[in-house]
Amino acid sequence: MKFKRRRALEVPPKIRAFINGVTTVPLENTEEPLKSFVWDFDKGDFHHWVDLFNHFDTYFEKYIKPRKDLQVEDNFLESDPPFPREAVLQILRVIRIILENCTNKHFYSSYEVLFLLSKIDIPLLHFLFELFFIAYDRSMHRHIWWKFL
């Protein structure tokens, strides 16, 4: 789900530089600039990272959602290209780190693709559970759980 900024917000230059470094790389190489990502910022605001989350959603829309092996529909056994496991793990790792360090994490709402990803394998499922746990905010738990149903 593409995110929209709910308010005008100046993105700190260091965050903007990282986001530009990721979004200017071709989608098929998205994992490369993510491999070295560590949190080296002050306490963040979810809205600073909207462009990066939208970039990740674009990746998921192109490489994950159309996969027949993740959906039970006609011809779901047809062969798909190899699953981009390393890229997906890097994206999930970066999302987790950002949500751990940001306020307003309850705005994160790309759960649909995360549920698709839960059908892949156990290590990936572990990443997803961590991500769900971090996104789960006690003050927002009712809103998040309704999104899952």
N, C-alpha and C. Protein backbone atom coordinates (compact mmCIF):
# COMPACT_ATOMS: atom_id res chain seq x y z
N MET A 1 0.85 -1.17 0.00
CA MET A 1 0.00 0.00 0.00
C MET A 1 0.89 1.22 0.00
N LYS A 2 0.69 2.07 -0.95
CA LYS A 2 1.49 3.30 -1.03
C LYS A 2 1.08 4.24 0.09
N PHE A 3 2.08 4.83 0.70
CA PHE A 3 1.86 5.75 1.80
C PHE A 3 1.79 7.17 1.29
N LYS A 4 0.99 7.97 1.95
CA LYS A 4 0.92 9.39 1.65
C LYS A 4 1.33 10.15 2.89
N ARG A 5 2.05 11.21 2.66
CA ARG A 5 2.42 12.04 3.81
C ARG A 5 1.18 12.76 4.29
N ARG A 6 0.94 12.70 5.58
CA ARG A 6 -0.22 13.36 6.15
C ARG A 6 0.08 14.79 6.54
N ARG A 7 1.34 15.11 6.47
CA ARG A 7 1.73 16.48 6.83
C ARG A 7 3.05 16.81 6.14
N ALA A 8 3.26 18.09 5.98
CA ALA A 8 4.53 18.52 5.39
C ALA A 8 5.62 18.30 6.42
N LEU A 9 6.67 17.67 6.02
CA LEU A 9 7.73 17.35 6.96
C LEU A 9 9.07 17.42 6.25
N GLU A 10 9.98 18.11 6.83
CA GLU A 10 11.33 18.21 6.29
C GLU A 10 12.09 16.93 6.64
N VAL A 11 12.51 16.20 5.62
CA VAL A 11 13.26 14.96 5.84
C VAL A 11 14.72 15.35 6.10
N PRO A 12 15.29 14.88 7.21
CA PRO A 12 16.69 15.21 7.50
C PRO A 12 17.61 14.80 6.35
N PRO A 13 18.63 15.59 6.07
CA PRO A 13 19.51 15.32 4.93
C PRO A 13 20.14 13.93 4.94
N LYS A 14 20.52 13.45 6.10
CA LYS A 14 21.16 12.13 6.20
C LYS A 14 20.18 11.02 5.79
N ILE A 15 18.93 11.15 6.21
CA ILE A 15 17.89 10.18 5.83
C ILE A 15 17.60 10.30 4.34
N ARG A 16 17.46 11.52 3.85
CA ARG A 16 17.19 11.75 2.42
C ARG A 16 18.29 11.14 1.57
N ALA A 17 19.56 11.29 2.00
CA ALA A 17 20.68 10.73 1.25
C ALA A 17 20.59 9.21 1.19
N PHE A 18 20.26 8.56 2.31
CA PHE A 18 20.13 7.11 2.30
C PHE A 18 18.99 6.67 1.38
N ILE A 19 17.84 7.31 1.51
CA ILE A 19 16.69 6.96 0.68
C ILE A 19 17.03 7.13 -0.80
N ASN A 20 17.67 8.22 -1.16
CA ASN A 20 18.07 8.44 -2.56
C ASN A 20 19.05 7.37 -3.02
N GLY A 21 19.95 6.94 -2.13
CA GLY A 21 20.90 5.89 -2.48
C GLY A 21 20.22 4.56 -2.78
N VAL A 22 19.09 4.31 -2.14
CA VAL A 22 18.34 3.06 -2.38
C VAL A 22 17.44 3.20 -3.60
N THR A 23 16.72 4.31 -3.69
CA THR A 23 15.71 4.44 -4.74
C THR A 23 16.30 4.70 -6.13
N THR A 24 17.56 5.08 -6.20
CA THR A 24 18.17 5.31 -7.51
C THR A 24 18.79 4.03 -8.09
N VAL A 25 18.89 3.00 -7.29
CA VAL A 25 19.40 1.70 -7.76
C VAL A 25 18.25 0.97 -8.45
N PRO A 26 18.52 0.27 -9.56
CA PRO A 26 17.44 -0.48 -10.20
C PRO A 26 16.78 -1.46 -9.22
N LEU A 27 15.48 -1.65 -9.36
CA LEU A 27 14.73 -2.50 -8.44
C LEU A 27 15.35 -3.88 -8.27
N GLU A 28 15.86 -4.46 -9.35
CA GLU A 28 16.40 -5.82 -9.24
C GLU A 28 17.66 -5.88 -8.39
N ASN A 29 18.25 -4.73 -8.06
CA ASN A 29 19.44 -4.68 -7.20
C ASN A 29 19.16 -4.00 -5.87
N THR A 30 17.93 -3.95 -5.49
CA THR A 30 17.53 -3.22 -4.28
C THR A 30 18.29 -3.66 -3.04
N GLU A 31 18.62 -4.94 -2.94
CA GLU A 31 19.25 -5.42 -1.70
C GLU A 31 20.66 -4.88 -1.49
N GLU A 32 21.35 -4.49 -2.56
CA GLU A 32 22.74 -4.05 -2.43
C GLU A 32 22.93 -2.87 -1.48
N PRO A 33 22.22 -1.75 -1.65
CA PRO A 33 22.44 -0.63 -0.72
C PRO A 33 21.85 -0.89 0.67
N LEU A 34 21.03 -1.93 0.82
CA LEU A 34 20.41 -2.22 2.11
C LEU A 34 21.31 -3.07 3.01
N LYS A 35 22.24 -3.79 2.44
CA LYS A 35 23.05 -4.75 3.19
C LYS A 35 23.82 -4.11 4.34
N SER A 36 24.26 -2.90 4.15
CA SER A 36 25.08 -2.24 5.18
C SER A 36 24.26 -1.30 6.07
N PHE A 37 22.94 -1.33 5.95
CA PHE A 37 22.11 -0.39 6.71
C PHE A 37 22.15 -0.69 8.20
N VAL A 38 22.46 0.31 8.97
CA VAL A 38 22.35 0.29 10.43
C VAL A 38 21.71 1.60 10.83
N TRP A 39 21.08 1.63 11.98
CA TRP A 39 20.44 2.86 12.44
C TRP A 39 21.52 3.79 12.96
N ASP A 40 21.71 4.87 12.27
CA ASP A 40 22.72 5.86 12.63
C ASP A 40 22.08 7.24 12.62
N PHE A 41 20.86 7.30 13.12
CA PHE A 41 20.06 8.52 13.07
C PHE A 41 19.50 8.79 14.46
N ASP A 42 19.02 10.01 14.66
CA ASP A 42 18.30 10.30 15.89
C ASP A 42 16.97 9.56 15.86
N LYS A 43 16.24 9.63 16.96
CA LYS A 43 14.91 9.01 16.98
C LYS A 43 14.14 9.51 15.77
N GLY A 44 13.57 8.59 15.03
CA GLY A 44 12.96 8.95 13.76
C GLY A 44 11.47 9.14 13.82
N ASP A 45 10.96 9.60 12.72
CA ASP A 45 9.53 9.77 12.50
C ASP A 45 9.19 8.94 11.26
N PHE A 46 8.17 8.14 11.35
CA PHE A 46 7.76 7.30 10.23
C PHE A 46 7.66 8.09 8.93
N HIS A 47 7.15 9.29 9.02
CA HIS A 47 6.92 10.10 7.83
C HIS A 47 8.21 10.49 7.10
N HIS A 48 9.35 10.44 7.80
CA HIS A 48 10.62 10.70 7.14
C HIS A 48 10.94 9.61 6.11
N TRP A 49 10.41 8.43 6.33
CA TRP A 49 10.78 7.25 5.55
C TRP A 49 9.74 6.85 4.51
N VAL A 50 8.72 7.65 4.30
CA VAL A 50 7.61 7.29 3.40
C VAL A 50 8.11 6.95 2.00
N ASP A 51 9.04 7.71 1.46
CA ASP A 51 9.53 7.43 0.10
C ASP A 51 10.21 6.06 0.03
N LEU A 52 10.93 5.68 1.07
CA LEU A 52 11.57 4.37 1.08
C LEU A 52 10.53 3.25 1.19
N PHE A 53 9.54 3.42 2.06
CA PHE A 53 8.49 2.41 2.18
C PHE A 53 7.72 2.28 0.86
N ASN A 54 7.49 3.37 0.19
CA ASN A 54 6.82 3.31 -1.12
C ASN A 54 7.70 2.58 -2.14
N HIS A 55 8.99 2.78 -2.08
CA HIS A 55 9.91 2.07 -2.96
C HIS A 55 9.84 0.56 -2.69
N PHE A 56 9.81 0.20 -1.43
CA PHE A 56 9.68 -1.22 -1.08
C PHE A 56 8.35 -1.78 -1.60
N ASP A 57 7.30 -1.02 -1.48
CA ASP A 57 6.00 -1.48 -2.01
C ASP A 57 6.06 -1.67 -3.52
N THR A 58 6.76 -0.80 -4.21
CA THR A 58 6.93 -0.97 -5.66
C THR A 58 7.68 -2.27 -5.95
N TYR A 59 8.70 -2.56 -5.16
CA TYR A 59 9.44 -3.82 -5.31
C TYR A 59 8.50 -5.01 -5.10
N PHE A 60 7.74 -4.97 -4.03
CA PHE A 60 6.82 -6.08 -3.73
C PHE A 60 5.78 -6.24 -4.83
N GLU A 61 5.27 -5.14 -5.35
CA GLU A 61 4.27 -5.21 -6.43
C GLU A 61 4.85 -5.84 -7.69
N LYS A 62 6.11 -5.58 -7.95
CA LYS A 62 6.72 -6.11 -9.17
C LYS A 62 7.19 -7.55 -9.01
N TYR A 63 7.80 -7.87 -7.88
CA TYR A 63 8.46 -9.16 -7.74
C TYR A 63 7.75 -10.18 -6.83
N ILE A 64 6.82 -9.75 -6.01
CA ILE A 64 6.19 -10.67 -5.07
C ILE A 64 4.71 -10.91 -5.38
N LYS A 65 3.94 -9.88 -5.48
CA LYS A 65 2.49 -10.05 -5.68
C LYS A 65 2.12 -10.90 -6.89
N PRO A 66 2.81 -10.78 -8.02
CA PRO A 66 2.39 -11.57 -9.19
C PRO A 66 2.81 -13.05 -9.13
N ARG A 67 3.57 -13.45 -8.12
CA ARG A 67 4.06 -14.83 -8.05
C ARG A 67 2.89 -15.80 -7.87
N LYS A 68 2.82 -16.76 -8.75
CA LYS A 68 1.75 -17.75 -8.67
C LYS A 68 1.98 -18.73 -7.52
N ASP A 69 3.24 -18.94 -7.12
CA ASP A 69 3.51 -19.88 -6.05
C ASP A 69 3.08 -19.36 -4.67
N LEU A 70 2.71 -18.09 -4.58
CA LEU A 70 2.25 -17.52 -3.31
C LEU A 70 0.73 -17.39 -3.26
N GLN A 71 0.07 -17.75 -4.33
CA GLN A 71 -1.38 -17.58 -4.39
C GLN A 71 -2.02 -18.88 -4.83
N VAL A 72 -3.12 -19.20 -4.22
CA VAL A 72 -3.85 -20.39 -4.61
C VAL A 72 -4.90 -19.96 -5.63
N GLU A 73 -4.54 -20.11 -6.87
CA GLU A 73 -5.44 -19.78 -7.96
C GLU A 73 -5.08 -20.68 -9.13
N ASP A 74 -5.78 -20.56 -10.20
CA ASP A 74 -5.49 -21.39 -11.37
C ASP A 74 -4.02 -21.27 -11.75
N ASN A 75 -3.43 -22.39 -12.08
CA ASN A 75 -2.04 -22.45 -12.56
C ASN A 75 -1.01 -22.00 -11.52
N PHE A 76 -1.32 -22.16 -10.23
CA PHE A 76 -0.36 -21.70 -9.24
C PHE A 76 0.90 -22.57 -9.19
N LEU A 77 0.87 -23.70 -9.86
CA LEU A 77 2.06 -24.54 -9.91
C LEU A 77 2.98 -24.20 -11.08
N GLU A 78 2.55 -23.28 -11.93
CA GLU A 78 3.42 -22.85 -13.02
C GLU A 78 4.70 -22.26 -12.43
N SER A 79 5.77 -22.40 -13.15
CA SER A 79 7.04 -21.95 -12.59
C SER A 79 7.15 -20.43 -12.59
N ASP A 80 7.62 -19.93 -11.49
CA ASP A 80 7.93 -18.52 -11.33
C ASP A 80 9.46 -18.39 -11.41
N PRO A 81 9.96 -17.18 -11.62
CA PRO A 81 11.42 -17.00 -11.53
C PRO A 81 11.85 -17.32 -10.10
N PRO A 82 13.12 -17.54 -9.88
CA PRO A 82 13.58 -17.84 -8.52
C PRO A 82 13.12 -16.75 -7.54
N PHE A 83 12.76 -17.18 -6.36
CA PHE A 83 12.29 -16.24 -5.35
C PHE A 83 13.45 -15.33 -4.93
N PRO A 84 13.24 -14.00 -4.89
CA PRO A 84 14.32 -13.05 -4.55
C PRO A 84 14.53 -12.98 -3.03
N ARG A 85 14.93 -14.09 -2.47
CA ARG A 85 15.00 -14.25 -1.01
C ARG A 85 15.92 -13.21 -0.35
N GLU A 86 17.12 -13.04 -0.87
CA GLU A 86 18.07 -12.11 -0.25
C GLU A 86 17.52 -10.68 -0.25
N ALA A 87 16.93 -10.26 -1.35
CA ALA A 87 16.37 -8.92 -1.42
C ALA A 87 15.23 -8.76 -0.42
N VAL A 88 14.36 -9.76 -0.35
CA VAL A 88 13.22 -9.68 0.57
C VAL A 88 13.70 -9.64 2.02
N LEU A 89 14.69 -10.48 2.36
CA LEU A 89 15.22 -10.46 3.72
C LEU A 89 15.84 -9.11 4.06
N GLN A 90 16.56 -8.51 3.12
CA GLN A 90 17.16 -7.20 3.37
C GLN A 90 16.08 -6.13 3.55
N ILE A 91 15.06 -6.17 2.72
CA ILE A 91 13.97 -5.20 2.83
C ILE A 91 13.28 -5.34 4.18
N LEU A 92 12.97 -6.56 4.57
CA LEU A 92 12.30 -6.78 5.86
C LEU A 92 13.18 -6.35 7.02
N ARG A 93 14.47 -6.61 6.92
CA ARG A 93 15.40 -6.21 7.99
C ARG A 93 15.41 -4.68 8.13
N VAL A 94 15.47 -3.97 7.02
CA VAL A 94 15.50 -2.51 7.06
C VAL A 94 14.16 -1.96 7.58
N ILE A 95 13.05 -2.53 7.14
CA ILE A 95 11.75 -2.10 7.66
C ILE A 95 11.70 -2.27 9.17
N ARG A 96 12.17 -3.44 9.64
CA ARG A 96 12.16 -3.71 11.08
C ARG A 96 12.99 -2.68 11.84
N ILE A 97 14.18 -2.40 11.37
CA ILE A 97 15.06 -1.44 12.05
C ILE A 97 14.42 -0.06 12.08
N ILE A 98 13.85 0.35 10.97
CA ILE A 98 13.23 1.68 10.92
C ILE A 98 12.05 1.75 11.88
N LEU A 99 11.19 0.74 11.86
CA LEU A 99 10.02 0.77 12.75
C LEU A 99 10.43 0.71 14.21
N GLU A 100 11.50 -0.01 14.52
CA GLU A 100 12.00 -0.06 15.90
C GLU A 100 12.42 1.31 16.40
N ASN A 101 12.85 2.15 15.51
CA ASN A 101 13.45 3.43 15.90
C ASN A 101 12.61 4.65 15.58
N CYS A 102 11.38 4.45 15.14
CA CYS A 102 10.55 5.58 14.75
C CYS A 102 9.27 5.68 15.58
N THR A 103 8.85 6.91 15.72
CA THR A 103 7.52 7.14 16.25
C THR A 103 6.53 6.99 15.10
N ASN A 104 5.29 6.95 15.38
CA ASN A 104 4.23 6.85 14.36
C ASN A 104 4.30 5.56 13.56
N LYS A 105 4.89 4.51 14.13
CA LYS A 105 5.03 3.26 13.37
C LYS A 105 3.68 2.64 13.03
N HIS A 106 2.62 3.06 13.72
CA HIS A 106 1.29 2.51 13.44
C HIS A 106 0.79 2.91 12.05
N PHE A 107 1.47 3.86 11.39
CA PHE A 107 1.09 4.21 10.02
C PHE A 107 1.52 3.14 9.01
N TYR A 108 2.43 2.28 9.41
CA TYR A 108 2.87 1.22 8.49
C TYR A 108 1.66 0.32 8.20
N SER A 109 1.40 0.05 6.92
CA SER A 109 0.19 -0.71 6.59
C SER A 109 0.36 -1.65 5.39
N SER A 110 1.56 -2.07 5.10
CA SER A 110 1.77 -2.97 3.97
C SER A 110 1.69 -4.43 4.40
N TYR A 111 0.64 -4.78 5.10
CA TYR A 111 0.52 -6.13 5.65
C TYR A 111 0.13 -7.17 4.61
N GLU A 112 -0.57 -6.78 3.58
CA GLU A 112 -1.03 -7.74 2.58
C GLU A 112 0.13 -8.52 1.98
N VAL A 113 1.16 -7.84 1.55
CA VAL A 113 2.30 -8.52 0.95
C VAL A 113 3.06 -9.32 2.01
N LEU A 114 3.08 -8.85 3.24
CA LEU A 114 3.76 -9.59 4.29
C LEU A 114 3.07 -10.93 4.54
N PHE A 115 1.76 -10.96 4.45
CA PHE A 115 1.04 -12.22 4.59
C PHE A 115 1.35 -13.15 3.42
N LEU A 116 1.47 -12.62 2.23
CA LEU A 116 1.88 -13.45 1.09
C LEU A 116 3.25 -14.06 1.36
N LEU A 117 4.15 -13.26 1.88
CA LEU A 117 5.51 -13.73 2.15
C LEU A 117 5.55 -14.80 3.22
N SER A 118 4.58 -14.83 4.10
CA SER A 118 4.59 -15.81 5.19
C SER A 118 4.47 -17.24 4.68
N LYS A 119 4.20 -17.43 3.41
CA LYS A 119 4.05 -18.77 2.84
C LYS A 119 5.37 -19.34 2.34
N ILE A 120 6.46 -18.64 2.49
CA ILE A 120 7.72 -19.04 1.86
C ILE A 120 8.51 -20.05 2.69
N ASP A 121 9.09 -19.61 3.80
CA ASP A 121 9.91 -20.52 4.61
C ASP A 121 10.03 -20.01 6.04
N ILE A 122 10.59 -20.84 6.90
CA ILE A 122 10.66 -20.53 8.33
C ILE A 122 11.52 -19.31 8.64
N PRO A 123 12.75 -19.17 8.12
CA PRO A 123 13.52 -17.96 8.45
C PRO A 123 12.81 -16.67 8.02
N LEU A 124 12.15 -16.71 6.89
CA LEU A 124 11.41 -15.55 6.44
C LEU A 124 10.22 -15.29 7.36
N LEU A 125 9.59 -16.35 7.78
CA LEU A 125 8.48 -16.23 8.72
C LEU A 125 8.94 -15.60 10.04
N HIS A 126 10.13 -15.96 10.47
CA HIS A 126 10.71 -15.38 11.69
C HIS A 126 10.86 -13.86 11.54
N PHE A 127 11.40 -13.42 10.41
CA PHE A 127 11.52 -11.98 10.14
C PHE A 127 10.14 -11.31 10.18
N LEU A 128 9.16 -11.97 9.58
CA LEU A 128 7.82 -11.39 9.53
C LEU A 128 7.22 -11.25 10.93
N PHE A 129 7.40 -12.27 11.77
CA PHE A 129 6.89 -12.18 13.14
C PHE A 129 7.55 -11.03 13.90
N GLU A 130 8.85 -10.87 13.71
CA GLU A 130 9.53 -9.74 14.35
C GLU A 130 8.95 -8.42 13.87
N LEU A 131 8.72 -8.34 12.59
CA LEU A 131 8.17 -7.11 12.02
C LEU A 131 6.77 -6.83 12.54
N PHE A 132 5.92 -7.86 12.60
CA PHE A 132 4.57 -7.68 13.14
C PHE A 132 4.63 -7.25 14.60
N PHE A 133 5.53 -7.85 15.36
CA PHE A 133 5.66 -7.52 16.76
C PHE A 133 6.06 -6.05 16.95
N ILE A 134 6.99 -5.59 16.14
CA ILE A 134 7.44 -4.20 16.25
C ILE A 134 6.35 -3.24 15.82
N ALA A 135 5.64 -3.60 14.76
CA ALA A 135 4.57 -2.72 14.27
C ALA A 135 3.39 -2.69 15.23
N TYR A 136 3.29 -3.72 16.06
CA TYR A 136 2.18 -3.80 17.01
C TYR A 136 2.40 -2.78 18.11
N ASP A 137 1.57 -1.78 18.15
CA ASP A 137 1.65 -0.73 19.14
C ASP A 137 0.44 -0.88 20.05
N ARG A 138 0.67 -0.96 21.34
CA ARG A 138 -0.45 -1.19 22.26
C ARG A 138 -1.59 -0.21 22.07
N SER A 139 -1.25 1.01 21.77
CA SER A 139 -2.32 2.00 21.59
C SER A 139 -3.07 1.80 20.29
N MET A 140 -2.50 1.06 19.37
CA MET A 140 -3.12 0.87 18.06
C MET A 140 -3.50 -0.58 17.80
N HIS A 141 -3.41 -1.46 18.81
CA HIS A 141 -3.57 -2.88 18.55
C HIS A 141 -4.90 -3.24 17.90
N ARG A 142 -5.97 -2.58 18.27
CA ARG A 142 -7.25 -2.90 17.66
C ARG A 142 -7.26 -2.59 16.17
N HIS A 143 -6.64 -1.49 15.78
CA HIS A 143 -6.61 -1.10 14.37
C HIS A 143 -5.77 -2.08 13.54
N ILE A 144 -4.63 -2.49 14.09
CA ILE A 144 -3.75 -3.39 13.36
C ILE A 144 -4.39 -4.77 13.22
N TRP A 145 -4.95 -5.30 14.31
CA TRP A 145 -5.53 -6.64 14.22
C TRP A 145 -6.71 -6.67 13.27
N TRP A 146 -7.47 -5.60 13.17
CA TRP A 146 -8.58 -5.59 12.22
C TRP A 146 -8.07 -5.63 10.80
N LYS A 147 -6.90 -5.09 10.55
CA LYS A 147 -6.32 -5.14 9.21
C LYS A 147 -5.95 -6.57 8.83
N PHE A 148 -5.65 -7.41 9.84
CA PHE A 148 -5.26 -8.79 9.55
C PHE A 148 -6.46 -9.65 9.20
N LEU A 149 -7.62 -9.29 9.68
CA LEU A 149 -8.80 -10.14 9.48
C LEU A 149 -9.43 -9.96 8.13
